Protein backbone atom coordinates (compact mmCIF):
# COMPACT_ATOMS: atom_id res chain seq x y z
CA MET A 1 -14.39 7.09 11.26
CA ILE A 2 -13.21 5.12 8.22
CA GLY A 3 -9.90 5.81 6.48
CA PHE A 4 -9.04 4.59 2.98
CA TYR A 5 -5.37 3.76 2.30
CA ALA A 6 -4.88 3.27 -1.42
CA GLY A 7 -1.86 2.15 -3.37
CA SER A 8 -0.59 -0.31 -5.92
CA PHE A 9 1.23 -2.15 -3.09
CA ASP A 10 3.34 -3.87 -5.73
CA PRO A 11 4.77 -5.14 -3.44
CA PHE A 12 3.44 -4.20 0.00
CA THR A 13 6.46 -3.14 2.09
CA ASN A 14 7.26 -2.67 5.76
CA GLY A 15 6.83 1.06 5.08
CA HIS A 16 3.23 0.42 4.05
CA LEU A 17 2.76 -1.79 7.11
CA SER A 18 4.09 1.01 9.32
CA ILE A 19 1.43 3.37 7.93
CA VAL A 20 -1.30 0.75 8.48
CA LYS A 21 -0.17 0.24 12.09
CA LYS A 22 -0.31 3.99 12.74
CA THR A 23 -3.65 4.53 11.03
CA SER A 24 -5.30 1.53 12.69
CA LYS A 25 -4.79 3.36 16.00
CA CYS A 26 -6.41 6.55 14.65
CA PHE A 27 -9.39 5.23 12.70
CA ASP A 28 -12.24 2.92 13.64
CA LYS A 29 -11.64 1.10 10.37
CA VAL A 30 -8.90 1.22 7.73
CA ILE A 31 -9.61 0.00 4.23
CA ILE A 32 -6.46 -0.92 2.33
CA GLY A 33 -7.34 -0.50 -1.34
CA ILE A 34 -5.17 -2.20 -3.91
CA GLY A 35 -5.80 -0.08 -6.96
CA GLN A 36 -4.79 -0.18 -10.56
CA ASN A 37 -2.28 2.60 -11.24
CA SER A 38 -2.52 3.52 -14.93
CA GLU A 39 1.11 4.69 -14.84
CA LYS A 40 2.47 1.39 -13.46
CA LYS A 41 2.39 -2.15 -14.76
CA SER A 42 1.58 -4.63 -11.97
CA ARG A 43 4.43 -6.97 -11.13
CA PHE A 44 2.40 -9.28 -8.88
CA ASP A 45 -1.06 -10.78 -8.93
CA LYS A 46 -3.35 -8.48 -6.94
CA ASN A 47 -5.25 -11.38 -5.35
CA GLN A 48 -1.99 -12.90 -4.13
CA MET A 49 -0.89 -9.56 -2.69
CA LYS A 50 -4.31 -9.11 -1.05
CA GLU A 51 -3.95 -12.50 0.66
CA ALA A 52 -0.41 -11.66 1.80
CA ILE A 53 -1.53 -8.33 3.27
CA GLU A 54 -4.46 -10.03 5.03
CA LYS A 55 -2.09 -12.64 6.47
CA THR A 56 0.24 -9.86 7.65
CA LEU A 57 -2.67 -8.04 9.33
CA ARG A 58 -3.57 -11.24 11.20
CA GLU A 59 0.06 -11.79 12.26
CA GLU A 60 0.27 -8.18 13.48
CA ASN A 61 -3.11 -8.43 15.28
CA ILE A 62 -4.55 -5.52 13.32
CA GLU A 63 -8.23 -6.30 13.50
CA ASN A 64 -9.79 -3.08 12.23
CA ALA A 65 -8.32 -3.18 8.73
CA GLU A 66 -9.59 -4.89 5.60
CA VAL A 67 -8.08 -5.29 2.15
CA ILE A 68 -9.93 -4.76 -1.12
CA ILE A 69 -9.04 -4.65 -4.80
CA TYR A 70 -10.61 -1.92 -6.91
CA ASN A 71 -10.49 -0.15 -10.26
CA GLY A 72 -11.34 3.45 -10.97
CA LEU A 73 -10.99 6.65 -9.03
CA THR A 74 -9.72 6.24 -5.49
CA SER A 75 -11.91 9.00 -4.09
CA LYS A 76 -15.04 7.47 -5.65
CA GLU A 77 -14.19 4.00 -4.30
CA ALA A 78 -13.44 5.42 -0.86
CA ARG A 79 -16.78 7.27 -0.77
CA SER A 80 -18.67 4.16 -1.91
CA ARG A 81 -17.20 2.29 1.07
CA GLY A 82 -18.11 4.97 3.58
CA ALA A 83 -14.61 6.38 4.03
CA GLU A 84 -14.35 9.97 5.15
CA ILE A 85 -10.58 10.37 4.86
CA LEU A 86 -7.96 9.26 2.36
CA ILE A 87 -4.76 8.06 4.02
CA ARG A 88 -1.40 8.75 2.44
CA GLY A 89 2.12 8.03 3.62
CA LEU A 90 4.83 10.63 3.22
CA ARG A 91 8.51 9.76 2.88
CA ASN A 92 9.87 13.22 2.12
CA GLY A 93 9.09 16.72 0.88
CA THR A 94 8.85 15.59 -2.73
CA ASP A 95 6.13 13.13 -1.71
CA TYR A 96 4.30 15.96 0.04
CA GLN A 97 4.23 18.16 -3.05
CA TYR A 98 2.98 15.28 -5.22
CA GLU A 99 0.39 14.11 -2.68
CA GLU A 100 -0.87 17.63 -1.95
CA THR A 101 -1.77 18.13 -5.62
CA ILE A 102 -3.75 14.89 -5.61
CA ALA A 103 -5.38 15.80 -2.29
CA GLU A 104 -6.55 19.14 -3.70
CA ILE A 105 -8.14 17.39 -6.69
CA ASN A 106 -9.82 14.79 -4.44
CA ASP A 107 -11.15 17.50 -2.16
CA GLU A 108 -12.50 19.50 -5.09
CA TYR A 109 -13.88 16.51 -6.99
CA SER A 110 -15.44 14.44 -4.22
CA LYS A 111 -15.15 16.52 -1.06
CA ILE A 112 -12.97 13.93 0.67
CA ASP A 113 -10.02 15.11 2.72
CA THR A 114 -6.57 13.54 2.97
CA CYS A 115 -4.62 12.75 6.11
CA TYR A 116 -0.85 12.27 5.86
CA PHE A 117 1.22 9.93 7.99
CA ARG A 118 4.98 10.15 8.14
CA ALA A 119 7.00 7.14 7.07
CA GLY A 120 9.51 7.93 9.81
CA ASN A 121 12.63 5.76 9.81
CA LEU A 122 11.33 3.83 6.77
CA GLY A 123 11.19 6.95 4.60
CA TYR A 124 13.86 5.59 2.30
CA LEU A 125 11.75 2.53 1.42
CA SER A 126 9.62 2.23 -1.71
CA SER A 127 8.14 -0.67 -3.67
CA SER A 128 10.33 0.33 -6.61
CA MET A 129 13.46 0.22 -4.45
CA VAL A 130 12.49 -3.20 -3.08
CA MET A 131 11.97 -4.47 -6.63
CA GLU A 132 15.30 -3.11 -7.79
CA ILE A 133 17.07 -4.97 -4.99
CA TYR A 134 14.96 -8.08 -5.63
CA MET A 135 15.71 -8.05 -9.38
CA ALA A 136 19.43 -7.87 -8.52
CA GLU A 137 18.80 -11.15 -6.68
CA GLU A 138 19.58 -9.66 -3.28
CA ASP A 139 17.71 -10.40 -0.05
CA VAL A 140 14.70 -8.13 0.55
CA THR A 141 13.21 -9.95 3.55
CA LYS A 142 14.02 -7.07 5.90
CA PHE A 143 12.02 -4.68 3.71
CA VAL A 144 8.75 -6.63 3.36
CA PRO A 145 6.44 -8.58 5.67
CA LYS A 146 7.00 -12.34 5.83
CA ALA A 147 3.91 -13.19 3.73
CA VAL A 148 5.07 -10.83 0.98
CA ALA A 149 8.59 -12.29 1.09
CA GLU A 150 6.98 -15.67 0.41
CA ILE A 151 5.35 -14.27 -2.76
CA LEU A 152 8.67 -12.83 -3.89
CA LYS A 153 10.42 -16.15 -3.26
CA SER A 154 7.72 -18.04 -5.16
CA SER A 155 7.90 -15.56 -8.04
CA LYS A 156 11.67 -15.91 -8.18
CA GLU A 157 11.42 -19.72 -8.27
CA LYS A 158 8.87 -19.53 -11.11
CA ARG A 159 11.16 -17.16 -13.02
CA ILE A 160 14.15 -19.51 -12.57
CA ASN A 161 12.12 -22.56 -13.64
CA LYS A 162 11.07 -20.79 -16.87
CA GLU A 163 14.69 -20.18 -17.85
């Protein structure tokens, strides 16, 4: 069975990695889809983030996951790649209400079901929170995989050099 885990992953956090670790044990294959969220402006180059996630998967010995970049409807992309289930992480009850609405639409529109995985002890973590800490020039290395921390460091150095 193939699961499709979509997100902007801007940046990919240890919370996202936790979901990938859990789902890689439950699915034959996990496709991590870096999508374009029309409500969010990307902060990082998607190809760079894809490479960082792939490096993280190798470091974590997760062999049944692949990373793609896509545009368009998540459910349509998932179906085109043979996925039978959409994977979503839940941090709290508010996430559940939001995700359940999307799951109902996906089920109605493309007959693809959604499977939720709890964020557990990383439920407080979000990409937005990581970016807020990062923009305050604080250390975020405990919140993101090493390869992603390298992107953040490089981005910070570029920002400083422009000033």
